[in-house]
């Protein structure tokens, strides 16, 4: 026995409704029934489930993870190979300053540095050897690249000859009493220009008395050179804080807005400053920049962004590159954009709302017109297709009887009005329209007869207007 699809549907609906009740037997063998709420929930939710409220876009100020993207490849500077020279380090008795050499050595392959030789230009050569010839430098391969050169006098800068063949130079200038820092930085710029050094990074520490106007002048001087400079000003060096232990910010000179015109204030981690300046030597985003390194509160936006970058898997080099590349500024712009968009949604301009409403209505009107035109075109094509099929069948039927003396194309053309009537009638029948085939066919034939009579009448009038039928020949007239 076959079951119709309609019966199967009714059975499935009945099973769904009955599933709401469950029957159980108690200890006395009595049957009890209970009603399950699951069916009610299904009926309320519908097939697509319960409609959820559209979630609000998260605020990047509260959820920095929605703003931070995955780490992307960084754009390095050119000429990060060959010889690199380090000056201004390994001159203090209380520390070794090996950290900056380890960063340039790039033993882990994290940065783009690929130096074959690293020159340590120091005040005291034997002292520097004791500090740098360590077990770690032997294990990470630094000793294979290291070359120690002693300055002519303590505090001297390397000569043009010492800088010959050097592609990158990283220098440390400490602001101490009696030192003309401006002249020192100018000498570094001139030496780099004369010797053809391609990349220079300078850390100016203890720059508490340096003002923004002087730093801006130096920035203009550094920019007027083929060498790509990065000059970073920092406060008093703090040897206790490790790198990455405190949030920071890298500010352009024009963005420093201290009241007294001071560039930096307070202290800054020595390791952090060394890391930032060393990484800047290889970053395109840090080229031709004069910046200030400043500590920021742990609840500042810069601190939140740095925490978000590290949580997203950014390495120190990638983190510093993002901060140099207006990372904090872009984050603050994203927060302000979010606030503005939220405010505009909650407080819309009536004129803009009305304008948008009108645009939406016009768009809907055009869409309706388009859909209607597409529907009419599709309907016309279907009717014409059905009309052609009807005419071909009629031609085939008459052709079998042998009582037709025209081609199929000529026949279709001669009966096209009747074919379109048949096609329209069939189309309405297929799409559930109202039809009365006999009545409509009778009316159609009557209409065709009226058109025929009108056409004959017009032809007769035109003939009469032209003078009647043409006369016969002379023999006919004589008869």
Protein backbone atom coordinates (compact mmCIF):
# COMPACT_ATOMS: atom_id res chain seq x y z
CA UNK A 1 0.00 0.00 0.00
CA UNK A 2 1.34 3.39 -1.00
CA UNK A 3 1.00 6.42 1.27
CA UNK A 4 0.55 9.79 -0.38
CA UNK A 5 2.91 12.69 0.47
CA UNK A 6 -0.03 14.59 2.01
CA UNK A 7 -0.71 11.73 4.42
CA UNK A 8 2.96 11.57 5.43
CA UNK A 9 2.92 15.30 6.15
CA UNK A 10 -0.20 14.99 8.34
CA UNK A 11 1.34 12.06 10.21
CA UNK A 12 4.54 14.00 10.88
CA UNK A 13 2.54 16.99 12.16
CA UNK A 14 0.54 14.73 14.43
CA UNK A 15 3.71 13.13 15.76
CA UNK A 16 5.12 16.54 16.55
CA UNK A 17 2.03 17.57 18.49
CA UNK A 18 1.86 14.26 20.40
CA UNK A 19 5.50 14.53 21.34
CA UNK A 20 4.48 17.29 23.74
CA UNK A 21 2.89 14.70 26.08
CA UNK A 22 4.72 11.89 27.88
CA UNK A 23 3.07 8.99 29.69
CA UNK A 24 4.57 7.16 32.68
CA UNK A 25 3.40 4.47 35.11
CA UNK A 26 3.66 5.02 38.85
CA UNK A 27 4.12 2.40 41.57
CA UNK A 28 0.36 1.64 41.56
CA UNK A 29 0.46 0.87 37.84
CA UNK A 30 -1.57 4.02 37.12
CA UNK A 31 -0.81 5.97 34.00
CA UNK A 32 0.00 9.65 34.44
CA UNK A 33 0.67 12.20 31.73
CA UNK A 34 2.92 15.24 31.68
CA UNK A 35 3.40 18.07 29.21
CA UNK A 36 6.80 18.97 27.86
CA UNK A 37 7.70 22.64 27.40
CA UNK A 38 10.13 21.83 24.63
CA UNK A 39 7.35 21.82 22.05
CA UNK A 40 6.14 25.18 23.30
CA UNK A 41 9.60 26.61 22.92
CA UNK A 42 9.89 25.15 19.43
CA UNK A 43 6.50 26.58 18.47
CA UNK A 44 7.41 29.98 19.88
CA UNK A 45 10.85 30.03 18.32
CA UNK A 46 9.79 28.74 14.96
CA UNK A 47 12.00 26.87 12.55
CA UNK A 48 14.75 29.54 12.51
CA UNK A 49 14.96 29.71 16.31
CA UNK A 50 14.45 32.61 18.70
CA UNK A 51 15.29 35.93 17.13
CA UNK A 52 18.16 37.52 18.96
CA UNK A 53 18.71 41.17 19.44
CA UNK A 54 21.42 42.62 17.23
CA UNK A 55 24.58 42.89 19.26
CA UNK A 56 26.14 46.29 19.70
CA UNK A 57 29.51 46.88 18.10
CA UNK A 58 32.21 46.53 20.79
CA UNK A 59 33.99 49.65 21.98
CA UNK A 60 37.73 49.48 21.09
CA UNK A 61 38.48 51.47 24.25
CA UNK A 62 37.03 48.65 26.36
CA UNK A 63 37.98 45.70 24.14
CA UNK A 64 41.27 46.44 22.44
CA UNK A 65 41.32 42.93 20.96
CA UNK A 66 38.60 43.93 18.47
CA UNK A 67 40.86 46.70 17.17
CA UNK A 68 44.24 44.95 17.09
CA UNK A 69 44.84 43.00 13.89
CA UNK A 70 47.11 40.01 13.40
CA UNK A 71 50.83 40.83 13.03
CA UNK A 72 51.80 41.74 9.50
CA UNK A 73 55.21 41.70 7.78
CA UNK A 74 57.27 44.80 8.58
CA UNK A 75 59.00 47.00 6.04
CA UNK A 76 62.73 47.08 6.85
CA UNK A 77 65.27 49.68 5.85
CA UNK A 78 67.84 48.96 3.18
CA UNK A 79 71.54 48.23 3.84
CA UNK A 80 71.08 46.25 7.05
CA UNK A 81 74.12 44.11 6.35
CA UNK A 82 77.87 44.53 6.10
CA UNK A 83 79.43 46.51 8.97
CA UNK A 84 77.63 48.15 11.89
CA UNK A 85 79.29 50.47 14.42
CA UNK A 86 78.26 51.07 18.03
CA UNK A 87 79.52 54.13 19.94
CA UNK A 88 78.76 55.55 23.38
CA UNK A 89 78.27 52.19 25.09
CA UNK A 90 80.57 49.96 27.23
CA UNK A 91 82.07 52.98 29.03
CA UNK A 92 80.56 52.50 32.50
CA UNK A 93 82.13 50.36 35.22
CA UNK A 94 78.82 49.18 36.67
CA UNK A 95 77.37 47.47 33.56
CA UNK A 96 78.47 45.59 30.45
CA UNK A 97 76.09 47.12 27.84
CA UNK A 98 76.16 43.85 25.89
CA UNK A 99 72.41 44.09 25.25
CA UNK A 100 72.75 46.49 22.30
CA UNK A 101 75.30 44.18 20.64
CA UNK A 102 73.03 41.17 21.11
CA UNK A 103 70.21 43.04 19.39
CA UNK A 104 72.39 43.86 16.38
CA UNK A 105 73.77 40.32 16.31
CA UNK A 106 70.18 39.07 15.78
CA UNK A 107 71.04 35.55 16.85
CA UNK A 108 67.34 34.55 16.91
CA UNK A 109 66.67 35.95 13.43
CA UNK A 110 63.74 38.04 14.65
CA UNK A 111 64.76 41.38 13.09
CA UNK A 112 66.09 42.19 9.62
CA UNK A 113 69.71 42.69 10.77
CA UNK A 114 72.28 40.59 8.92
CA UNK A 115 75.60 42.19 9.83
CA UNK A 116 78.84 40.39 9.10
CA UNK A 117 80.85 42.63 11.47
CA UNK A 118 79.88 44.69 14.51
CA UNK A 119 82.41 47.34 15.59
CA UNK A 120 82.45 48.50 19.23
CA UNK A 121 83.92 52.02 19.31
CA UNK A 122 84.78 52.49 23.01
CA UNK A 123 86.79 54.76 25.31
CA UNK A 124 88.77 51.90 26.85
CA UNK A 125 89.56 48.88 24.68
CA UNK A 126 90.84 46.45 27.34
CA UNK A 127 87.91 47.26 29.62
CA UNK A 128 85.45 46.68 26.78
CA UNK A 129 87.00 43.30 26.02
CA UNK A 130 86.48 42.20 29.61
CA UNK A 131 82.87 43.28 29.44
CA UNK A 132 81.99 41.85 26.03
CA UNK A 133 84.04 38.66 25.85
CA UNK A 134 81.48 36.75 27.87
CA UNK A 135 80.18 33.21 27.73
CA UNK A 136 76.88 34.32 26.23
CA UNK A 137 78.61 36.27 23.45
CA UNK A 138 80.59 33.14 22.65
CA UNK A 139 77.48 30.97 22.48
CA UNK A 140 75.33 33.33 20.38
CA UNK A 141 78.08 33.98 17.82
CA UNK A 142 78.73 37.60 18.75
CA UNK A 143 82.48 37.01 19.20
CA UNK A 144 82.73 35.92 15.56
CA UNK A 145 81.49 39.32 14.44
CA UNK A 146 82.80 41.64 17.16
CA UNK A 147 85.65 44.06 16.57
CA UNK A 148 86.68 46.46 19.35
CA UNK A 149 88.21 49.84 18.41
CA UNK A 150 89.45 52.33 21.03
CA UNK A 151 88.80 56.06 20.64
CA UNK A 152 91.67 58.54 20.63
CA UNK A 153 90.27 60.18 23.75
CA UNK A 154 87.30 59.46 26.04
CA UNK A 155 84.10 60.81 24.54
CA UNK A 156 85.47 61.16 21.01
CA UNK A 157 83.35 60.23 18.02
CA UNK A 158 84.67 57.84 15.34
CA UNK A 159 86.53 59.46 12.49
CA UNK A 160 85.59 59.32 8.84
CA UNK A 161 88.23 56.61 8.36
CA UNK A 162 86.75 54.53 11.20
CA UNK A 163 83.31 54.86 9.61
CA UNK A 164 84.56 53.82 6.19
CA UNK A 165 82.53 50.84 4.94
CA UNK A 166 80.00 51.14 7.78
CA UNK A 167 76.35 50.89 6.69
CA UNK A 168 74.68 51.37 10.08
CA UNK A 169 75.72 53.41 13.10
CA UNK A 170 74.00 53.39 16.48
CA UNK A 171 75.23 56.01 18.95
CA UNK A 172 74.52 56.93 22.57
CA UNK A 173 74.89 60.52 23.73
CA UNK A 174 74.40 61.21 27.43
CA UNK A 175 73.57 64.78 28.41
CA UNK A 176 76.10 65.67 31.13
CA UNK A 177 77.33 68.95 32.49
CA UNK A 178 79.74 70.70 30.17
CA UNK A 179 78.73 68.74 27.06
CA UNK A 180 77.35 70.66 24.09
CA UNK A 181 74.75 68.12 22.98
CA UNK A 182 73.67 70.16 19.98
CA UNK A 183 77.25 70.27 18.67
CA UNK A 184 77.65 66.56 19.36
CA UNK A 185 74.56 65.67 17.34
CA UNK A 186 75.66 67.98 14.55
CA UNK A 187 79.04 66.22 14.43
CA UNK A 188 77.30 62.85 14.18
CA UNK A 189 75.24 64.12 11.25
CA UNK A 190 78.30 65.51 9.46
CA UNK A 191 80.41 62.39 10.02
CA UNK A 192 77.64 60.14 8.71
CA UNK A 193 77.22 62.33 5.65
CA UNK A 194 80.96 62.45 4.87
CA UNK A 195 81.55 58.73 5.40
CA UNK A 196 78.46 57.56 3.53
CA UNK A 197 76.75 55.78 6.42
CA UNK A 198 73.28 54.74 5.27
CA UNK A 199 71.40 54.37 8.60
CA UNK A 200 71.98 56.13 11.93
CA UNK A 201 70.11 55.77 15.22
CA UNK A 202 70.99 58.00 18.18
CA UNK A 203 69.84 57.68 21.80
CA UNK A 204 70.07 60.97 23.73
CA UNK A 205 69.66 60.06 27.39
CA UNK A 206 69.27 62.31 30.43
CA UNK A 207 67.77 64.93 28.07
CA UNK A 208 65.76 66.64 30.81
CA UNK A 209 66.89 70.14 29.86
CA UNK A 210 66.46 69.72 26.12
CA UNK A 211 63.66 71.81 24.62
CA UNK A 212 61.42 71.07 21.66
CA UNK A 213 62.54 74.06 19.61
CA UNK A 214 66.17 72.87 19.60
CA UNK A 215 65.13 69.30 18.82
CA UNK A 216 63.04 70.51 15.89
CA UNK A 217 66.03 72.38 14.47
CA UNK A 218 68.14 69.25 14.76
CA UNK A 219 65.42 67.25 13.04
CA UNK A 220 65.53 69.63 10.07
CA UNK A 221 69.32 69.29 9.96
CA UNK A 222 69.16 65.49 10.02
CA UNK A 223 66.49 65.44 7.31
CA UNK A 224 68.79 67.34 4.93
CA UNK A 225 70.92 64.27 4.26
CA UNK A 226 70.90 61.05 2.27
CA UNK A 227 71.38 59.19 5.55
CA UNK A 228 68.25 57.98 7.28
CA UNK A 229 68.42 59.23 10.86
CA UNK A 230 66.44 58.30 13.97
CA UNK A 231 67.06 60.40 17.07
CA UNK A 232 65.34 59.42 20.32
CA UNK A 233 65.37 61.60 23.44
CA UNK A 234 64.85 59.96 26.83
CA UNK A 235 64.99 60.98 30.47
CA UNK A 236 67.31 59.70 33.18
CA UNK A 237 68.26 56.09 32.57
CA UNK A 238 66.77 53.64 35.06
CA UNK A 239 68.90 50.49 35.39
CA UNK A 240 66.38 48.71 37.61
CA UNK A 241 63.46 48.50 35.19
CA UNK A 242 63.66 45.73 32.64
CA UNK A 243 62.45 46.13 29.07
CA UNK A 244 58.73 45.60 28.63
CA UNK A 245 57.99 46.13 32.32
CA UNK A 246 56.40 49.57 31.91
CA UNK A 247 54.22 51.05 29.15
CA UNK A 248 55.71 53.79 27.01
CA UNK A 249 54.92 56.10 24.16
CA UNK A 250 56.96 57.34 21.19
CA UNK A 251 56.10 60.95 20.39
CA UNK A 252 57.16 63.09 17.44
CA UNK A 253 58.77 66.38 18.32
CA UNK A 254 55.78 68.37 17.04
CA UNK A 255 53.48 66.33 19.29
CA UNK A 256 55.36 67.08 22.52
CA UNK A 257 53.28 69.65 24.41
CA UNK A 258 55.02 70.08 27.78
CA UNK A 259 54.40 73.56 29.22
CA UNK A 260 58.08 74.42 29.69
CA UNK A 261 58.97 73.10 26.26
CA UNK A 262 60.81 70.12 27.78
CA UNK A 263 61.03 67.03 25.63
CA UNK A 264 61.11 64.40 28.35
CA UNK A 265 60.66 64.24 32.10
CA UNK A 266 61.46 61.70 34.78
CA UNK A 267 63.18 58.38 34.19
CA UNK A 268 63.09 55.74 31.47
CA UNK A 269 64.25 52.14 31.45
CA UNK A 270 67.75 51.81 29.99
CA UNK A 271 66.98 48.42 28.50
CA UNK A 272 63.74 49.70 26.97
CA UNK A 273 65.45 52.74 25.45
CA UNK A 274 68.25 50.58 24.06
CA UNK A 275 65.72 48.14 22.59
CA UNK A 276 63.67 50.91 20.93
CA UNK A 277 66.69 52.69 19.43
CA UNK A 278 68.31 49.46 18.22
CA UNK A 279 65.08 48.24 16.59
CA UNK A 280 64.50 51.67 15.03
CA UNK A 281 67.78 51.27 13.14
CA UNK A 282 66.12 48.59 11.00
CA UNK A 283 62.54 49.89 10.71
CA UNK A 284 61.36 51.98 7.78
CA UNK A 285 58.64 53.48 9.96
CA UNK A 286 61.33 54.97 12.22
CA UNK A 287 63.46 56.48 9.44
CA UNK A 288 63.92 60.27 9.37
CA UNK A 289 62.26 60.71 12.76
CA UNK A 290 63.13 62.74 15.87
CA UNK A 291 61.12 61.36 18.77
CA UNK A 292 60.75 61.45 22.52
CA UNK A 293 60.45 58.33 24.69
CA UNK A 294 58.03 58.81 27.55
CA UNK A 295 56.57 56.58 30.25
CA UNK A 296 52.78 56.55 30.42
CA UNK A 297 50.31 55.47 33.12
CA UNK A 298 49.21 51.85 33.09
CA UNK A 299 45.60 52.91 32.39
CA UNK A 300 46.44 55.14 29.42
CA UNK A 301 45.41 54.28 25.88
CA UNK A 302 49.03 53.70 24.90
CA UNK A 303 49.35 51.15 27.71
CA UNK A 304 46.10 49.44 26.69
CA UNK A 305 47.26 49.23 23.07
CA UNK A 306 50.67 47.79 24.00
CA UNK A 307 48.98 45.17 26.15
CA UNK A 308 46.64 44.32 23.28
CA UNK A 309 49.53 44.02 20.81
CA UNK A 310 51.40 41.64 23.08
CA UNK A 311 48.25 39.57 23.68
CA UNK A 312 47.78 39.30 19.92
CA UNK A 313 51.21 37.73 19.52
CA UNK A 314 53.27 40.75 18.48
CA UNK A 315 57.02 40.45 19.10
CA UNK A 316 58.98 43.38 20.51
CA UNK A 317 60.17 44.44 17.06
CA UNK A 318 56.61 44.29 15.67
CA UNK A 319 55.28 46.17 18.68
CA UNK A 320 57.84 48.98 18.33
CA UNK A 321 57.17 49.17 14.59
CA UNK A 322 53.44 49.63 15.24
CA UNK A 323 54.08 52.37 17.83
CA UNK A 324 56.44 54.17 15.45
CA UNK A 325 53.84 53.84 12.68
CA UNK A 326 51.32 56.05 14.52
CA UNK A 327 49.94 53.05 16.39
CA UNK A 328 48.68 54.98 19.42
CA UNK A 329 47.36 57.82 17.28
CA UNK A 330 45.44 55.42 15.04
CA UNK A 331 44.04 53.66 18.10
CA UNK A 332 42.83 56.97 19.55
CA UNK A 333 41.30 57.90 16.18
CA UNK A 334 39.45 54.56 16.10
CA UNK A 335 38.04 55.23 19.59
CA UNK A 336 36.89 58.72 18.64
CA UNK A 337 35.35 57.41 15.42
CA UNK A 338 33.45 54.77 17.39
CA UNK A 339 32.16 57.37 19.86
CA UNK A 340 31.06 59.66 17.04
CA UNK A 341 29.26 56.87 15.19
CA UNK A 342 27.47 55.75 18.38
CA UNK A 343 26.41 59.31 19.14
CA UNK A 344 25.18 59.82 15.58
CA UNK A 345 23.12 56.63 15.81
CA UNK A 346 21.61 57.63 19.14
CA UNK A 347 21.10 61.29 18.14
CA UNK A 348 20.37 61.29 14.42
CA UNK A 349 19.93 64.52 12.53
CA UNK A 350 16.24 64.85 11.54
CA UNK A 351 17.15 66.21 8.13
CA UNK A 352 19.53 63.34 7.48
CA UNK A 353 16.97 60.84 8.73
CA UNK A 354 14.32 62.27 6.40
CA UNK A 355 16.79 62.34 3.54
CA UNK A 356 17.71 58.73 4.19
CA UNK A 357 14.04 57.79 4.38
CA UNK A 358 13.37 59.44 1.04
CA UNK A 359 16.38 57.72 -0.48
CA UNK A 360 15.22 54.37 0.87
CA UNK A 361 11.69 54.91 -0.46
CA UNK A 362 13.03 55.90 -3.86
CA UNK A 363 15.29 52.89 -3.86
CA UNK A 364 12.36 50.63 -2.99
CA UNK A 365 10.22 52.23 -5.71
CA UNK A 366 12.91 51.70 -8.32
CA UNK A 367 13.39 48.16 -7.09
CA UNK A 368 9.65 47.46 -7.45
CA UNK A 369 9.66 48.90 -10.94
CA UNK A 370 12.67 46.81 -11.83
CA UNK A 371 11.10 43.64 -10.46
CA UNK A 372 7.85 44.40 -12.29
CA UNK A 373 9.66 44.97 -15.56
CA UNK A 374 11.63 41.77 -15.10
CA UNK A 375 8.40 39.89 -14.32
CA UNK A 376 6.62 41.32 -17.37
CA UNK A 377 9.59 40.51 -19.59
CA UNK A 378 9.74 36.96 -18.27
CA UNK A 379 5.96 36.62 -18.72
CA UNK A 380 6.19 37.91 -22.26
CA UNK A 381 8.98 35.47 -23.13
CA UNK A 382 7.03 32.53 -21.68
CA UNK A 383 3.85 33.48 -23.55
CA UNK A 384 5.74 33.93 -26.81
CA UNK A 385 7.40 30.56 -26.32
CA UNK A 386 4.02 28.89 -25.73
CA UNK A 387 2.53 30.76 -28.70
CA UNK A 388 5.34 29.55 -30.96
CA UNK A 389 4.84 25.97 -29.79
CA UNK A 390 1.05 26.18 -30.48
CA UNK A 391 1.62 27.61 -33.94
CA UNK A 392 4.17 24.93 -34.79
CA UNK A 393 1.74 22.20 -33.71
CA UNK A 394 -1.02 23.71 -35.83
CA UNK A 395 1.30 23.97 -38.81
CA UNK A 396 2.36 20.35 -38.35
CA UNK A 397 -1.30 19.22 -38.12
CA UNK A 398 -2.34 21.13 -41.26
CA UNK A 399 0.77 20.04 -43.10
CA UNK A 400 -0.13 16.40 -42.48
CA UNK A 401 -3.50 17.04 -44.13
CA UNK A 402 -1.76 18.49 -47.19
CA UNK A 403 -3.95 21.59 -47.27
CA UNK A 404 -1.28 24.26 -46.65
CA UNK A 405 0.93 26.00 -49.18
CA UNK A 406 3.31 28.12 -47.06
CA UNK A 407 6.41 27.63 -44.95
CA UNK A 408 6.32 27.16 -41.19
CA UNK A 409 7.66 30.67 -40.60
CA UNK A 410 5.05 32.21 -42.88
CA UNK A 411 2.29 30.24 -41.20
CA UNK A 412 3.40 31.27 -37.69
CA UNK A 413 3.39 34.88 -38.82
CA UNK A 414 -0.11 34.57 -40.29
CA UNK A 415 -1.65 33.09 -37.11
CA UNK A 416 0.47 34.96 -34.58
CA UNK A 417 -2.44 36.80 -32.92
CA UNK A 418 -4.29 33.54 -32.34
CA UNK A 419 -1.05 31.92 -31.13
CA UNK A 420 -0.48 34.74 -28.60
CA UNK A 421 -4.05 34.28 -27.37
CA UNK A 422 -3.45 30.56 -26.88
CA UNK A 423 -0.10 31.25 -25.16
CA UNK A 424 -1.65 33.80 -22.77
CA UNK A 425 -4.49 31.44 -21.97
CA UNK A 426 -2.12 28.58 -21.22
CA UNK A 427 0.13 30.86 -19.10
CA UNK A 428 -2.78 31.93 -16.89
CA UNK A 429 -3.92 28.34 -16.52
CA UNK A 430 -0.43 27.25 -15.45
CA UNK A 431 -0.09 30.07 -12.90
CA UNK A 432 -3.52 29.71 -11.33
CA UNK A 433 -5.19 32.62 -13.08
CA UNK A 434 -8.91 32.88 -13.86
CA UNK A 435 -9.75 31.37 -17.25
CA UNK A 436 -12.86 30.51 -19.27
CA UNK A 437 -11.50 28.93 -22.40
CA UNK A 438 -14.74 28.72 -24.38
CA UNK A 439 -15.92 32.21 -23.52
CA UNK A 440 -12.55 33.80 -24.12
CA UNK A 441 -12.09 31.96 -27.42
CA UNK A 442 -15.54 33.09 -28.58
CA UNK A 443 -14.78 36.70 -27.64
CA UNK A 444 -11.40 36.49 -29.36
CA UNK A 445 -12.89 35.16 -32.60
CA UNK A 446 -15.60 37.83 -32.51
CA UNK A 447 -12.97 40.50 -31.99
CA UNK A 448 -10.94 39.11 -34.86
CA UNK A 449 -14.02 39.16 -37.10
CA UNK A 450 -14.70 42.79 -36.16
CA UNK A 451 -11.11 43.71 -36.98
CA UNK A 452 -11.47 41.91 -40.31
CA UNK A 453 -14.66 43.81 -41.16
CA UNK A 454 -13.08 47.13 -40.16
CA UNK A 455 -10.07 46.36 -42.33
CA UNK A 456 -12.28 45.46 -45.30
CA UNK A 457 -14.32 48.62 -44.83
CA UNK A 458 -11.21 50.80 -44.78
CA UNK A 459 -9.90 49.06 -47.88
CA UNK A 460 -13.20 49.64 -49.67
CA UNK A 461 -13.20 53.32 -48.70
CA UNK A 462 -9.66 53.72 -49.95
CA UNK A 463 -10.61 52.03 -53.21
CA UNK A 464 -13.62 54.23 -53.71
CA UNK A 465 -11.56 57.31 -52.99
CA UNK A 466 -9.09 56.21 -55.67
CA UNK A 467 -11.90 55.97 -58.32
CA UNK A 468 -13.15 52.43 -58.01
CA UNK A 469 -11.89 49.34 -59.76
CA UNK A 470 -9.67 49.93 -62.80
CA UNK A 471 -11.62 49.93 -66.13
CA UNK A 472 -11.24 47.16 -68.69
CA UNK A 473 -9.88 47.45 -72.29
CA UNK A 474 -11.74 49.10 -75.24
CA UNK A 475 -13.37 45.85 -76.40
CA UNK A 476 -15.01 45.53 -73.01
CA UNK A 477 -16.35 49.07 -73.14
CA UNK A 478 -17.90 48.47 -76.67
CA UNK A 479 -19.70 45.45 -75.41
